[in-house]
Amino acid sequence: MDTPIGATMRLEWTMDKKKKRRKRRAFTPEFKAQAVQLCAVGERNIAQVGDDLDLTESALRGWVQRAEIDAEKGPPDALNTAEREELAKLRHDNKRLTMERDI
């Protein structure tokens, strides 16, 4: 199997460390954006684009939903990427400060 440009692979193991699972891949933001664009402009649906790029339909569907939210086309209460990053940072800081306080 060929790895798409913009993807890197990492080997995943099961709990018993004997059986190999499918290799976990990491994709660049550029690759994700191009895959989302193929879904938006082409006459192919998400499943067909996913098959062409050797992606799971659920992963590609998640990227499309995240892109819609970032473009303010998603649900009004959904957090965009910048807000999600800020929330993660605040939660991390809160956890650190709570630990410092408890010491």
Protein backbone atom coordinates (compact mmCIF):
# COMPACT_ATOMS: atom_id res chain seq x y z
CA MET A 1 0.00 0.00 0.00
CA ASP A 2 1.33 3.41 -0.91
CA THR A 3 1.27 6.18 1.65
CA PRO A 4 -0.36 9.38 0.34
CA ILE A 5 1.86 12.44 0.13
CA GLY A 6 1.52 14.37 3.38
CA ALA A 7 1.00 11.27 5.51
CA THR A 8 3.33 9.49 7.89
CA MET A 9 2.79 6.07 9.40
CA ARG A 10 3.20 4.76 12.92
CA LEU A 11 2.89 1.10 13.84
CA GLU A 12 0.09 0.24 16.27
CA TRP A 13 0.08 -2.86 18.47
CA THR A 14 -2.80 -4.68 20.11
CA MET A 15 -2.93 -5.26 23.87
CA ASP A 16 -1.07 -8.57 23.67
CA LYS A 17 1.72 -7.04 21.52
CA LYS A 18 1.66 -10.03 19.19
CA LYS A 19 -0.83 -9.00 16.52
CA LYS A 20 -0.27 -5.97 14.37
CA ARG A 21 -3.15 -3.64 13.68
CA ARG A 22 -3.37 -1.28 10.75
CA LYS A 23 -0.65 1.32 10.89
CA ARG A 24 -1.81 4.64 12.29
CA ARG A 25 -1.13 7.50 9.94
CA ALA A 26 -0.64 11.19 10.63
CA PHE A 27 -1.66 13.66 7.93
CA THR A 28 -0.47 17.18 7.33
CA PRO A 29 -3.00 20.03 7.43
CA GLU A 30 -2.35 20.61 3.71
CA PHE A 31 -3.26 17.01 2.87
CA LYS A 32 -6.45 17.26 4.93
CA ALA A 33 -7.41 20.54 3.23
CA GLN A 34 -6.88 19.01 -0.23
CA ALA A 35 -8.97 15.96 0.69
CA VAL A 36 -11.78 18.19 1.98
CA GLN A 37 -11.62 20.28 -1.19
CA LEU A 38 -11.97 17.13 -3.33
CA CYS A 39 -15.18 16.31 -1.43
CA ALA A 40 -16.55 19.83 -1.87
CA VAL A 41 -15.86 20.50 -5.55
CA GLY A 42 -16.05 17.09 -7.17
CA GLU A 43 -19.05 15.04 -8.13
CA ARG A 44 -17.82 12.20 -5.93
CA ASN A 45 -19.11 11.68 -2.41
CA ILE A 46 -17.03 11.32 0.76
CA ALA A 47 -16.89 7.53 0.56
CA GLN A 48 -15.56 7.59 -3.01
CA VAL A 49 -12.92 10.22 -2.21
CA GLY A 50 -11.93 8.22 0.88
CA ASP A 51 -11.47 5.08 -1.21
CA ASP A 52 -9.38 6.98 -3.76
CA LEU A 53 -7.09 8.38 -1.04
CA ASP A 54 -7.09 5.18 1.08
CA LEU A 55 -8.80 6.95 3.99
CA THR A 56 -11.60 5.77 6.22
CA GLU A 57 -14.91 7.43 5.53
CA SER A 58 -15.28 8.46 9.18
CA ALA A 59 -11.90 10.23 9.23
CA LEU A 60 -12.63 12.13 6.04
CA ARG A 61 -16.15 12.98 7.21
CA GLY A 62 -14.68 14.41 10.42
CA TRP A 63 -12.26 16.57 8.43
CA VAL A 64 -15.15 17.84 6.28
CA GLN A 65 -17.25 18.67 9.35
CA ARG A 66 -14.31 20.46 11.01
CA ALA A 67 -13.72 22.49 7.83
CA GLU A 68 -17.40 23.47 7.70
CA ILE A 69 -17.28 24.62 11.32
CA ASP A 70 -14.10 26.62 10.66
CA ALA A 71 -15.83 28.24 7.66
CA GLU A 72 -18.77 29.11 9.98
CA LYS A 73 -21.13 26.82 8.05
CA GLY A 74 -21.61 24.37 10.91
CA PRO A 75 -23.84 24.47 13.98
CA PRO A 76 -23.81 27.85 15.73
CA ASP A 77 -22.65 26.40 19.06
CA ALA A 78 -19.75 24.35 17.62
CA LEU A 79 -16.20 25.43 18.45
CA ASN A 80 -13.85 26.24 15.58
CA THR A 81 -10.24 25.04 15.57
CA ALA A 82 -8.84 28.16 17.26
CA GLU A 83 -11.44 27.96 20.03
CA ARG A 84 -10.75 24.25 20.54
CA GLU A 85 -7.00 24.93 20.83
CA GLU A 86 -7.64 27.73 23.32
CA LEU A 87 -9.94 25.49 25.37
CA ALA A 88 -7.31 22.72 25.44
CA LYS A 89 -4.66 25.23 26.57
CA LEU A 90 -6.93 26.61 29.30
CA ARG A 91 -7.74 23.12 30.55
CA HIS A 92 -4.03 22.27 30.64
CA ASP A 93 -3.25 25.48 32.55
CA ASN A 94 -6.13 24.84 34.96
CA LYS A 95 -4.86 21.33 35.67
CA ARG A 96 -1.32 22.61 36.28
CA LEU A 97 -2.53 25.40 38.59
CA THR A 98 -4.74 22.99 40.53
CA MET A 99 -1.76 20.68 41.06
CA GLU A 100 0.42 23.61 42.17
CA ARG A 101 -2.25 24.74 44.61
CA ASP A 102 -2.56 21.27 46.11
CA ILE A 103 1.19 21.01 46.78
